[in-house]
Amino acid sequence: YDPFEQFTSWFLFDVEKGYDTCSYLGRIAKTSDQFSEEENNEETERAI
């Protein structure tokens, strides 16, 4: 599944397989509401 266009199906597949990719990325990426969208995108890419 496409994580951009088919997120729900992508997420359900991911969790079913035990990857928990969203949680893993959330632990690594140091994003914040205080950052701009661009800064958060850059940090997310760095974490990926």
All heavy atoms as atom14 arrays in JSON, in Angstrom:
{
  "sequence": "YDPFEQFTSWFLFDVEKGYDTCSYLGRIAKTSDQFSEEENNEETERAI",
  "atom14_mask": [
    [1, 1, 1, 1, 1, 1, 1, 1, 1, 1, 1, 1, 0, 0],
    [1, 1, 1, 1, 1, 1, 1, 1, 0, 0, 0, 0, 0, 0],
    [1, 1, 1, 1, 1, 1, 1, 0, 0, 0, 0, 0, 0, 0],
    [1, 1, 1, 1, 1, 1, 1, 1, 1, 1, 1, 0, 0, 0],
    [1, 1, 1, 1, 1, 1, 1, 1, 1, 0, 0, 0, 0, 0],
    [1, 1, 1, 1, 1, 1, 1, 1, 1, 0, 0, 0, 0, 0],
    [1, 1, 1, 1, 1, 1, 1, 1, 1, 1, 1, 0, 0, 0],
    [1, 1, 1, 1, 1, 1, 1, 0, 0, 0, 0, 0, 0, 0],
    [1, 1, 1, 1, 1, 1, 0, 0, 0, 0, 0, 0, 0, 0],
    [1, 1, 1, 1, 1, 1, 1, 1, 1, 1, 1, 1, 1, 1],
    [1, 1, 1, 1, 1, 1, 1, 1, 1, 1, 1, 0, 0, 0],
    [1, 1, 1, 1, 1, 1, 1, 1, 0, 0, 0, 0, 0, 0],
    [1, 1, 1, 1, 1, 1, 1, 1, 1, 1, 1, 0, 0, 0],
    [1, 1, 1, 1, 1, 1, 1, 1, 0, 0, 0, 0, 0, 0],
    [1, 1, 1, 1, 1, 1, 1, 0, 0, 0, 0, 0, 0, 0],
    [1, 1, 1, 1, 1, 1, 1, 1, 1, 0, 0, 0, 0, 0],
    [1, 1, 1, 1, 1, 1, 1, 1, 1, 0, 0, 0, 0, 0],
    [1, 1, 1, 1, 0, 0, 0, 0, 0, 0, 0, 0, 0, 0],
    [1, 1, 1, 1, 1, 1, 1, 1, 1, 1, 1, 1, 0, 0],
    [1, 1, 1, 1, 1, 1, 1, 1, 0, 0, 0, 0, 0, 0],
    [1, 1, 1, 1, 1, 1, 1, 0, 0, 0, 0, 0, 0, 0],
    [1, 1, 1, 1, 1, 1, 0, 0, 0, 0, 0, 0, 0, 0],
    [1, 1, 1, 1, 1, 1, 0, 0, 0, 0, 0, 0, 0, 0],
    [1, 1, 1, 1, 1, 1, 1, 1, 1, 1, 1, 1, 0, 0],
    [1, 1, 1, 1, 1, 1, 1, 1, 0, 0, 0, 0, 0, 0],
    [1, 1, 1, 1, 0, 0, 0, 0, 0, 0, 0, 0, 0, 0],
    [1, 1, 1, 1, 1, 1, 1, 1, 1, 1, 1, 0, 0, 0],
    [1, 1, 1, 1, 1, 1, 1, 1, 0, 0, 0, 0, 0, 0],
    [1, 1, 1, 1, 1, 0, 0, 0, 0, 0, 0, 0, 0, 0],
    [1, 1, 1, 1, 1, 1, 1, 1, 1, 0, 0, 0, 0, 0],
    [1, 1, 1, 1, 1, 1, 1, 0, 0, 0, 0, 0, 0, 0],
    [1, 1, 1, 1, 1, 1, 0, 0, 0, 0, 0, 0, 0, 0],
    [1, 1, 1, 1, 1, 1, 1, 1, 0, 0, 0, 0, 0, 0],
    [1, 1, 1, 1, 1, 1, 1, 1, 1, 0, 0, 0, 0, 0],
    [1, 1, 1, 1, 1, 1, 1, 1, 1, 1, 1, 0, 0, 0],
    [1, 1, 1, 1, 1, 1, 0, 0, 0, 0, 0, 0, 0, 0],
    [1, 1, 1, 1, 1, 1, 1, 1, 1, 0, 0, 0, 0, 0],
    [1, 1, 1, 1, 1, 1, 1, 1, 1, 0, 0, 0, 0, 0],
    [1, 1, 1, 1, 1, 1, 1, 1, 1, 0, 0, 0, 0, 0],
    [1, 1, 1, 1, 1, 1, 1, 1, 0, 0, 0, 0, 0, 0],
    [1, 1, 1, 1, 1, 1, 1, 1, 0, 0, 0, 0, 0, 0],
    [1, 1, 1, 1, 1, 1, 1, 1, 1, 0, 0, 0, 0, 0],
    [1, 1, 1, 1, 1, 1, 1, 1, 1, 0, 0, 0, 0, 0],
    [1, 1, 1, 1, 1, 1, 1, 0, 0, 0, 0, 0, 0, 0],
    [1, 1, 1, 1, 1, 1, 1, 1, 1, 0, 0, 0, 0, 0],
    [1, 1, 1, 1, 1, 1, 1, 1, 1, 1, 1, 0, 0, 0],
    [1, 1, 1, 1, 1, 0, 0, 0, 0, 0, 0, 0, 0, 0],
    [1, 1, 1, 1, 1, 1, 1, 1, 0, 0, 0, 0, 0, 0]
  ],
  "atom14_positions": [
    [[0.82, -1.21, 0.0], [0.0, 0.0, 0.0], [0.86, 1.26, 0.0], [1.96, 1.29, 0.54], [-0.94, 0.0, 1.21], [-1.85, -1.19, 1.21], [-1.6, -2.28, 2.04], [-2.95, -1.26, 0.36], [-2.42, -3.4, 2.03], [-3.78, -2.37, 0.34], [-3.51, -3.43, 1.17], [-4.32, -4.53, 1.15], [0.0, 0.0, 0.0], [0.0, 0.0, 0.0]],
    [[0.32, 2.31, -0.58], [0.98, 3.61, -0.66], [0.73, 4.36, 0.65], [-0.42, 4.66, 0.97], [0.4, 4.39, -1.84], [1.03, 5.74, -2.05], [1.57, 6.32, -1.09], [0.98, 6.24, -3.18], [0.0, 0.0, 0.0], [0.0, 0.0, 0.0], [0.0, 0.0, 0.0], [0.0, 0.0, 0.0], [0.0, 0.0, 0.0], [0.0, 0.0, 0.0]],
    [[1.78, 4.67, 1.41], [1.56, 5.35, 2.68], [1.04, 6.78, 2.53], [0.52, 7.35, 3.49], [2.94, 5.34, 3.35], [3.9, 5.17, 2.23], [3.18, 4.39, 1.17], [0.0, 0.0, 0.0], [0.0, 0.0, 0.0], [0.0, 0.0, 0.0], [0.0, 0.0, 0.0], [0.0, 0.0, 0.0], [0.0, 0.0, 0.0], [0.0, 0.0, 0.0]],
    [[1.12, 7.35, 1.35], [0.57, 8.68, 1.09], [-0.93, 8.6, 0.78], [-1.72, 9.33, 1.35], [1.28, 9.36, -0.08], [2.72, 9.69, 0.17], [3.72, 8.94, -0.4], [3.07, 10.76, 0.97], [5.06, 9.24, -0.2], [4.4, 11.08, 1.2], [5.39, 10.31, 0.62], [0.0, 0.0, 0.0], [0.0, 0.0, 0.0], [0.0, 0.0, 0.0]],
    [[-1.28, 7.73, -0.15], [-2.65, 7.69, -0.68], [-3.53, 6.62, -0.03], [-4.76, 6.72, -0.11], [-2.61, 7.46, -2.19], [-1.84, 8.51, -2.96], [-2.45, 9.91, -2.87], [-3.68, 10.01, -2.76], [-1.67, 10.87, -2.89], [0.0, 0.0, 0.0], [0.0, 0.0, 0.0], [0.0, 0.0, 0.0], [0.0, 0.0, 0.0], [0.0, 0.0, 0.0]],
    [[-2.93, 5.6, 0.54], [-3.69, 4.5, 1.12], [-3.26, 4.27, 2.57], [-3.02, 3.14, 2.99], [-3.46, 3.22, 0.31], [-3.85, 3.33, -1.14], [-3.35, 2.14, -1.94], [-2.16, 1.88, -1.99], [-4.28, 1.41, -2.54], [0.0, 0.0, 0.0], [0.0, 0.0, 0.0], [0.0, 0.0, 0.0], [0.0, 0.0, 0.0], [0.0, 0.0, 0.0]],
    [[-3.21, 5.33, 3.35], [-2.61, 5.24, 4.67], [-3.29, 4.21, 5.57], [-2.62, 3.44, 6.25], [-2.58, 6.6, 5.39], [-1.92, 6.5, 6.74], [-0.55, 6.46, 6.83], [-2.68, 6.41, 7.89], [0.07, 6.32, 8.07], [-2.08, 6.28, 9.13], [-0.7, 6.24, 9.22], [0.0, 0.0, 0.0], [0.0, 0.0, 0.0], [0.0, 0.0, 0.0]],
    [[-4.6, 4.17, 5.61], [-5.3, 3.25, 6.51], [-4.93, 1.8, 6.18], [-4.58, 1.03, 7.08], [-6.82, 3.45, 6.45], [-7.11, 4.8, 6.83], [-7.54, 2.5, 7.39], [0.0, 0.0, 0.0], [0.0, 0.0, 0.0], [0.0, 0.0, 0.0], [0.0, 0.0, 0.0], [0.0, 0.0, 0.0], [0.0, 0.0, 0.0], [0.0, 0.0, 0.0]],
    [[-4.99, 1.43, 4.91], [-4.62, 0.07, 4.51], [-3.14, -0.18, 4.78], [-2.75, -1.26, 5.25], [-4.92, -0.15, 3.03], [-6.29, -0.06, 2.78], [0.0, 0.0, 0.0], [0.0, 0.0, 0.0], [0.0, 0.0, 0.0], [0.0, 0.0, 0.0], [0.0, 0.0, 0.0], [0.0, 0.0, 0.0], [0.0, 0.0, 0.0], [0.0, 0.0, 0.0]],
    [[-2.31, 0.82, 4.49], [-0.87, 0.71, 4.75], [-0.63, 0.46, 6.24], [0.12, -0.45, 6.63], [-0.14, 1.98, 4.3], [1.31, 1.96, 4.64], [2.32, 1.48, 3.87], [1.9, 2.41, 5.86], [3.51, 1.58, 4.54], [3.28, 2.16, 5.77], [1.41, 2.97, 7.02], [4.17, 2.47, 6.79], [2.29, 3.27, 8.04], [3.66, 3.02, 7.92]],
    [[-1.28, 1.25, 7.09], [-1.11, 1.16, 8.54], [-1.57, -0.21, 9.07], [-0.88, -0.84, 9.87], [-1.87, 2.29, 9.23], [-1.74, 2.3, 10.72], [-0.6, 2.79, 11.32], [-2.76, 1.81, 11.51], [-0.48, 2.79, 12.71], [-2.65, 1.8, 12.89], [-1.51, 2.3, 13.49], [0.0, 0.0, 0.0], [0.0, 0.0, 0.0], [0.0, 0.0, 0.0]],
    [[-2.74, -0.66, 8.63], [-3.26, -1.95, 9.09], [-2.33, -3.1, 8.7], [-2.08, -4.0, 9.51], [-4.67, -2.18, 8.55], [-5.74, -1.25, 9.12], [-7.06, -1.45, 8.38], [-5.91, -1.45, 10.62], [0.0, 0.0, 0.0], [0.0, 0.0, 0.0], [0.0, 0.0, 0.0], [0.0, 0.0, 0.0], [0.0, 0.0, 0.0], [0.0, 0.0, 0.0]],
    [[-1.8, -3.07, 7.49], [-0.84, -4.08, 7.05], [0.4, -4.04, 7.93], [0.89, -5.08, 8.4], [-0.47, -3.85, 5.58], [0.51, -4.84, 5.04], [0.08, -5.99, 4.4], [1.88, -4.63, 5.15], [0.99, -6.91, 3.89], [2.79, -5.53, 4.65], [2.35, -6.69, 4.02], [0.0, 0.0, 0.0], [0.0, 0.0, 0.0], [0.0, 0.0, 0.0]],
    [[0.91, -2.84, 8.18], [2.12, -2.64, 8.96], [1.96, -3.18, 10.39], [2.83, -3.89, 10.89], [2.45, -1.15, 8.99], [3.78, -0.85, 9.64], [4.82, -1.1, 9.0], [3.78, -0.38, 10.79], [0.0, 0.0, 0.0], [0.0, 0.0, 0.0], [0.0, 0.0, 0.0], [0.0, 0.0, 0.0], [0.0, 0.0, 0.0], [0.0, 0.0, 0.0]],
    [[0.85, -2.86, 11.02], [0.61, -3.31, 12.39], [0.39, -4.82, 12.43], [0.9, -5.51, 13.32], [-0.58, -2.54, 13.01], [-0.99, -3.13, 14.35], [-0.23, -1.07, 13.16], [0.0, 0.0, 0.0], [0.0, 0.0, 0.0], [0.0, 0.0, 0.0], [0.0, 0.0, 0.0], [0.0, 0.0, 0.0], [0.0, 0.0, 0.0], [0.0, 0.0, 0.0]],
    [[-0.34, -5.34, 11.46], [-0.59, -6.79, 11.4], [0.7, -7.58, 11.31], [0.84, -8.65, 11.9], [-1.49, -7.11, 10.21], [-1.83, -8.58, 10.08], [-2.71, -8.85, 8.88], [-3.87, -8.46, 8.9], [-2.18, -9.45, 7.91], [0.0, 0.0, 0.0], [0.0, 0.0, 0.0], [0.0, 0.0, 0.0], [0.0, 0.0, 0.0], [0.0, 0.0, 0.0]],
    [[1.67, -7.05, 10.58], [2.96, -7.72, 10.42], [3.87, -7.51, 11.64], [4.95, -8.1, 11.73], [3.69, -7.21, 9.17], [3.01, -7.6, 7.88], [3.17, -9.07, 7.63], [2.64, -9.42, 6.26], [2.85, -10.82, 5.93], [0.0, 0.0, 0.0], [0.0, 0.0, 0.0], [0.0, 0.0, 0.0], [0.0, 0.0, 0.0], [0.0, 0.0, 0.0]],
    [[3.46, -6.64, 12.57], [4.25, -6.4, 13.78], [5.37, -5.41, 13.62], [6.24, -5.31, 14.48], [0.0, 0.0, 0.0], [0.0, 0.0, 0.0], [0.0, 0.0, 0.0], [0.0, 0.0, 0.0], [0.0, 0.0, 0.0], [0.0, 0.0, 0.0], [0.0, 0.0, 0.0], [0.0, 0.0, 0.0], [0.0, 0.0, 0.0], [0.0, 0.0, 0.0]],
    [[5.37, -4.65, 12.52], [6.45, -3.68, 12.31], [6.28, -2.43, 13.18], [7.27, -1.89, 13.67], [6.51, -3.24, 10.84], [6.83, -4.35, 9.87], [6.07, -4.52, 8.73], [7.91, -5.2, 10.07], [6.36, -5.52, 7.8], [8.21, -6.21, 9.15], [7.42, -6.36, 8.03], [7.71, -7.34, 7.13], [0.0, 0.0, 0.0], [0.0, 0.0, 0.0]],
    [[5.07, -1.95, 13.33], [4.79, -0.73, 14.09], [5.69, 0.42, 13.67], [6.31, 1.1, 14.48], [4.89, -0.99, 15.6], [3.84, -1.98, 16.07], [2.66, -1.83, 15.67], [4.18, -2.93, 16.81], [0.0, 0.0, 0.0], [0.0, 0.0, 0.0], [0.0, 0.0, 0.0], [0.0, 0.0, 0.0], [0.0, 0.0, 0.0], [0.0, 0.0, 0.0]],
    [[5.77, 0.62, 12.36], [6.67, 1.6, 11.77], [6.39, 3.01, 12.27], [7.33, 3.77, 12.54], [6.57, 1.53, 10.23], [6.95, 0.21, 9.82], [7.47, 2.54, 9.56], [0.0, 0.0, 0.0], [0.0, 0.0, 0.0], [0.0, 0.0, 0.0], [0.0, 0.0, 0.0], [0.0, 0.0, 0.0], [0.0, 0.0, 0.0], [0.0, 0.0, 0.0]],
    [[5.12, 3.39, 12.41], [4.79, 4.74, 12.88], [5.34, 4.98, 14.28], [5.9, 6.04, 14.57], [3.29, 4.97, 12.84], [2.61, 5.13, 11.19], [0.0, 0.0, 0.0], [0.0, 0.0, 0.0], [0.0, 0.0, 0.0], [0.0, 0.0, 0.0], [0.0, 0.0, 0.0], [0.0, 0.0, 0.0], [0.0, 0.0, 0.0], [0.0, 0.0, 0.0]],
    [[5.19, 4.0, 15.15], [5.7, 4.14, 16.52], [7.22, 4.23, 16.53], [7.8, 5.04, 17.26], [5.25, 2.96, 17.37], [3.85, 2.94, 17.49], [0.0, 0.0, 0.0], [0.0, 0.0, 0.0], [0.0, 0.0, 0.0], [0.0, 0.0, 0.0], [0.0, 0.0, 0.0], [0.0, 0.0, 0.0], [0.0, 0.0, 0.0], [0.0, 0.0, 0.0]],
    [[7.86, 3.4, 15.71], [9.31, 3.4, 15.62], [9.81, 4.76, 15.14], [10.7, 5.37, 15.75], [9.76, 2.28, 14.69], [11.25, 2.08, 14.55], [12.14, 2.45, 15.55], [11.76, 1.5, 13.41], [13.5, 2.24, 15.41], [13.12, 1.28, 13.25], [13.99, 1.66, 14.26], [15.33, 1.46, 14.11], [0.0, 0.0, 0.0], [0.0, 0.0, 0.0]],
    [[9.2, 5.26, 14.08], [9.6, 6.57, 13.55], [9.34, 7.66, 14.59], [10.16, 8.57, 14.76], [8.84, 6.87, 12.25], [9.17, 8.19, 11.57], [10.66, 8.29, 11.23], [8.32, 8.34, 10.32], [0.0, 0.0, 0.0], [0.0, 0.0, 0.0], [0.0, 0.0, 0.0], [0.0, 0.0, 0.0], [0.0, 0.0, 0.0], [0.0, 0.0, 0.0]],
    [[8.24, 7.55, 15.31], [7.93, 8.53, 16.36], [8.95, 8.57, 17.48], [9.18, 9.61, 18.09], [0.0, 0.0, 0.0], [0.0, 0.0, 0.0], [0.0, 0.0, 0.0], [0.0, 0.0, 0.0], [0.0, 0.0, 0.0], [0.0, 0.0, 0.0], [0.0, 0.0, 0.0], [0.0, 0.0, 0.0], [0.0, 0.0, 0.0], [0.0, 0.0, 0.0]],
    [[9.58, 7.44, 17.75], [10.61, 7.4, 18.79], [11.92, 8.02, 18.31], [12.69, 8.55, 19.11], [10.86, 5.97, 19.25], [9.71, 5.39, 20.05], [10.07, 4.07, 20.71], [10.56, 3.04, 19.8], [9.79, 2.18, 19.13], [8.48, 2.26, 19.24], [10.34, 1.28, 18.35], [0.0, 0.0, 0.0], [0.0, 0.0, 0.0], [0.0, 0.0, 0.0]],
    [[12.18, 7.96, 17.01], [13.46, 8.44, 16.46], [13.39, 9.92, 16.05], [14.32, 10.68, 16.29], [13.89, 7.57, 15.26], [13.98, 6.09, 15.66], [15.21, 8.06, 14.68], [14.95, 5.78, 16.78], [0.0, 0.0, 0.0], [0.0, 0.0, 0.0], [0.0, 0.0, 0.0], [0.0, 0.0, 0.0], [0.0, 0.0, 0.0], [0.0, 0.0, 0.0]],
    [[12.29, 10.32, 15.44], [12.14, 11.7, 14.95], [11.85, 12.64, 16.11], [10.96, 12.39, 16.92], [11.02, 11.77, 13.92], [0.0, 0.0, 0.0], [0.0, 0.0, 0.0], [0.0, 0.0, 0.0], [0.0, 0.0, 0.0], [0.0, 0.0, 0.0], [0.0, 0.0, 0.0], [0.0, 0.0, 0.0], [0.0, 0.0, 0.0], [0.0, 0.0, 0.0]],
    [[12.61, 13.7, 16.18], [12.43, 14.71, 17.23], [11.66, 15.9, 16.67], [12.22, 16.97, 16.44], [13.79, 15.11, 17.78], [14.49, 13.96, 18.5], [15.96, 14.27, 18.73], [16.67, 13.15, 19.45], [16.63, 11.87, 18.79], [0.0, 0.0, 0.0], [0.0, 0.0, 0.0], [0.0, 0.0, 0.0], [0.0, 0.0, 0.0], [0.0, 0.0, 0.0]],
    [[10.37, 15.67, 16.43], [9.51, 16.72, 15.89], [8.83, 17.46, 17.03], [8.82, 17.0, 18.17], [8.45, 16.12, 14.94], [7.68, 15.16, 15.67], [9.09, 15.46, 13.74], [0.0, 0.0, 0.0], [0.0, 0.0, 0.0], [0.0, 0.0, 0.0], [0.0, 0.0, 0.0], [0.0, 0.0, 0.0], [0.0, 0.0, 0.0], [0.0, 0.0, 0.0]],
    [[8.27, 18.62, 16.72], [7.64, 19.44, 17.74], [6.61, 20.37, 17.12], [6.76, 20.8, 15.97], [8.71, 20.28, 18.46], [8.11, 21.23, 19.31], [0.0, 0.0, 0.0], [0.0, 0.0, 0.0], [0.0, 0.0, 0.0], [0.0, 0.0, 0.0], [0.0, 0.0, 0.0], [0.0, 0.0, 0.0], [0.0, 0.0, 0.0], [0.0, 0.0, 0.0]],
    [[5.58, 20.69, 17.89], [4.6, 21.69, 17.46], [5.24, 23.07, 17.35], [4.69, 23.96, 16.71], [3.43, 21.75, 18.43], [2.57, 20.5, 18.38], [2.61, 19.79, 17.36], [1.85, 20.24, 19.37], [0.0, 0.0, 0.0], [0.0, 0.0, 0.0], [0.0, 0.0, 0.0], [0.0, 0.0, 0.0], [0.0, 0.0, 0.0], [0.0, 0.0, 0.0]],
    [[6.38, 23.25, 17.99], [7.07, 24.54, 17.94], [7.88, 24.72, 16.66], [8.32, 25.82, 16.36], [7.98, 24.69, 19.16], [7.2, 24.73, 20.46], [8.1, 24.82, 21.67], [9.32, 24.77, 21.57], [7.49, 24.98, 22.83], [0.0, 0.0, 0.0], [0.0, 0.0, 0.0], [0.0, 0.0, 0.0], [0.0, 0.0, 0.0], [0.0, 0.0, 0.0]],
    [[8.08, 23.64, 15.92], [8.81, 23.72, 14.65], [7.84, 24.02, 13.51], [6.66, 23.71, 13.59], [9.53, 22.41, 14.33], [10.62, 22.03, 15.31], [11.0, 20.71, 15.43], [11.26, 22.97, 16.09], [12.0, 20.33, 16.31], [12.26, 22.61, 16.97], [12.63, 21.29, 17.08], [0.0, 0.0, 0.0], [0.0, 0.0, 0.0], [0.0, 0.0, 0.0]],
    [[8.36, 24.57, 12.44], [7.55, 24.78, 11.25], [7.3, 23.43, 10.58], [7.98, 22.43, 10.87], [8.26, 25.71, 10.27], [9.39, 25.06, 9.72], [0.0, 0.0, 0.0], [0.0, 0.0, 0.0], [0.0, 0.0, 0.0], [0.0, 0.0, 0.0], [0.0, 0.0, 0.0], [0.0, 0.0, 0.0], [0.0, 0.0, 0.0], [0.0, 0.0, 0.0]],
    [[6.36, 23.4, 9.66], [6.08, 22.16, 8.92], [7.32, 21.71, 8.16], [7.65, 20.52, 8.12], [4.92, 22.38, 7.96], [4.53, 21.13, 7.2], [3.33, 21.34, 6.29], [2.68, 22.39, 6.34], [3.06, 20.42, 5.5], [0.0, 0.0, 0.0], [0.0, 0.0, 0.0], [0.0, 0.0, 0.0], [0.0, 0.0, 0.0], [0.0, 0.0, 0.0]],
    [[8.04, 22.67, 7.58], [9.26, 22.35, 6.85], [10.32, 21.74, 7.77], [10.98, 20.76, 7.41], [9.81, 23.6, 6.15], [11.03, 23.32, 5.31], [11.55, 24.56, 4.59], [10.79, 25.53, 4.44], [12.73, 24.54, 4.2], [0.0, 0.0, 0.0], [0.0, 0.0, 0.0], [0.0, 0.0, 0.0], [0.0, 0.0, 0.0], [0.0, 0.0, 0.0]],
    [[10.49, 22.32, 8.96], [11.46, 21.79, 9.91], [11.09, 20.37, 10.36], [11.95, 19.5, 10.47], [11.58, 22.7, 11.13], [12.26, 24.02, 10.84], [12.15, 25.01, 11.99], [11.08, 25.1, 12.64], [13.16, 25.69, 12.25], [0.0, 0.0, 0.0], [0.0, 0.0, 0.0], [0.0, 0.0, 0.0], [0.0, 0.0, 0.0], [0.0, 0.0, 0.0]],
    [[9.8, 20.15, 10.61], [9.35, 18.81, 10.99], [9.55, 17.82, 9.86], [9.94, 16.68, 10.1], [7.89, 18.83, 11.45], [7.76, 19.29, 12.89], [8.58, 18.97, 13.73], [6.71, 20.04, 13.16], [0.0, 0.0, 0.0], [0.0, 0.0, 0.0], [0.0, 0.0, 0.0], [0.0, 0.0, 0.0], [0.0, 0.0, 0.0], [0.0, 0.0, 0.0]],
    [[9.3, 18.23, 8.62], [9.53, 17.35, 7.47], [11.01, 17.0, 7.34], [11.35, 15.85, 7.05], [9.02, 18.0, 6.18], [7.52, 17.98, 6.08], [6.83, 17.22, 6.76], [6.98, 18.84, 5.22], [0.0, 0.0, 0.0], [0.0, 0.0, 0.0], [0.0, 0.0, 0.0], [0.0, 0.0, 0.0], [0.0, 0.0, 0.0], [0.0, 0.0, 0.0]],
    [[11.88, 17.98, 7.54], [13.32, 17.73, 7.49], [13.76, 16.76, 8.58], [14.57, 15.86, 8.34], [14.1, 19.04, 7.6], [14.01, 19.91, 6.37], [14.65, 21.28, 6.57], [15.25, 21.53, 7.64], [14.54, 22.1, 5.65], [0.0, 0.0, 0.0], [0.0, 0.0, 0.0], [0.0, 0.0, 0.0], [0.0, 0.0, 0.0], [0.0, 0.0, 0.0]],
    [[13.22, 16.93, 9.78], [13.56, 16.04, 10.89], [13.03, 14.64, 10.64], [13.71, 13.65, 10.93], [13.01, 16.59, 12.2], [13.17, 15.66, 13.39], [14.59, 15.19, 13.66], [15.57, 15.82, 13.19], [14.75, 14.17, 14.35], [0.0, 0.0, 0.0], [0.0, 0.0, 0.0], [0.0, 0.0, 0.0], [0.0, 0.0, 0.0], [0.0, 0.0, 0.0]],
    [[11.84, 14.53, 10.08], [11.28, 13.22, 9.75], [12.15, 12.52, 8.72], [12.45, 11.33, 8.87], [9.83, 13.36, 9.26], [9.04, 13.94, 10.31], [9.25, 12.02, 8.86], [0.0, 0.0, 0.0], [0.0, 0.0, 0.0], [0.0, 0.0, 0.0], [0.0, 0.0, 0.0], [0.0, 0.0, 0.0], [0.0, 0.0, 0.0], [0.0, 0.0, 0.0]],
    [[12.59, 13.23, 7.71], [13.46, 12.62, 6.71], [14.79, 12.2, 7.32], [15.32, 11.13, 7.01], [13.69, 13.55, 5.52], [14.51, 12.87, 4.43], [14.58, 13.64, 3.13], [14.11, 14.79, 3.06], [15.11, 13.07, 2.15], [0.0, 0.0, 0.0], [0.0, 0.0, 0.0], [0.0, 0.0, 0.0], [0.0, 0.0, 0.0], [0.0, 0.0, 0.0]],
    [[15.33, 13.01, 8.2], [16.58, 12.65, 8.88], [16.4, 11.36, 9.66], [17.23, 10.45, 9.6], [17.03, 13.77, 9.82], [18.38, 13.47, 10.5], [18.51, 14.11, 11.88], [17.51, 13.68, 12.82], [17.55, 12.52, 13.51], [18.52, 11.66, 13.33], [16.6, 12.23, 14.39], [0.0, 0.0, 0.0], [0.0, 0.0, 0.0], [0.0, 0.0, 0.0]],
    [[15.28, 11.25, 10.38], [15.01, 10.05, 11.17], [14.82, 8.83, 10.27], [15.3, 7.73, 10.6], [13.78, 10.28, 12.05], [0.0, 0.0, 0.0], [0.0, 0.0, 0.0], [0.0, 0.0, 0.0], [0.0, 0.0, 0.0], [0.0, 0.0, 0.0], [0.0, 0.0, 0.0], [0.0, 0.0, 0.0], [0.0, 0.0, 0.0], [0.0, 0.0, 0.0]],
    [[14.13, 9.0, 9.16], [13.95, 7.9, 8.21], [15.31, 7.42, 7.7], [15.58, 6.22, 7.65], [13.03, 8.33, 7.05], [11.58, 8.46, 7.54], [13.13, 7.35, 5.87], [10.65, 9.11, 6.54], [0.0, 0.0, 0.0], [0.0, 0.0, 0.0], [0.0, 0.0, 0.0], [0.0, 0.0, 0.0], [0.0, 0.0, 0.0], [0.0, 0.0, 0.0]]
  ]
}
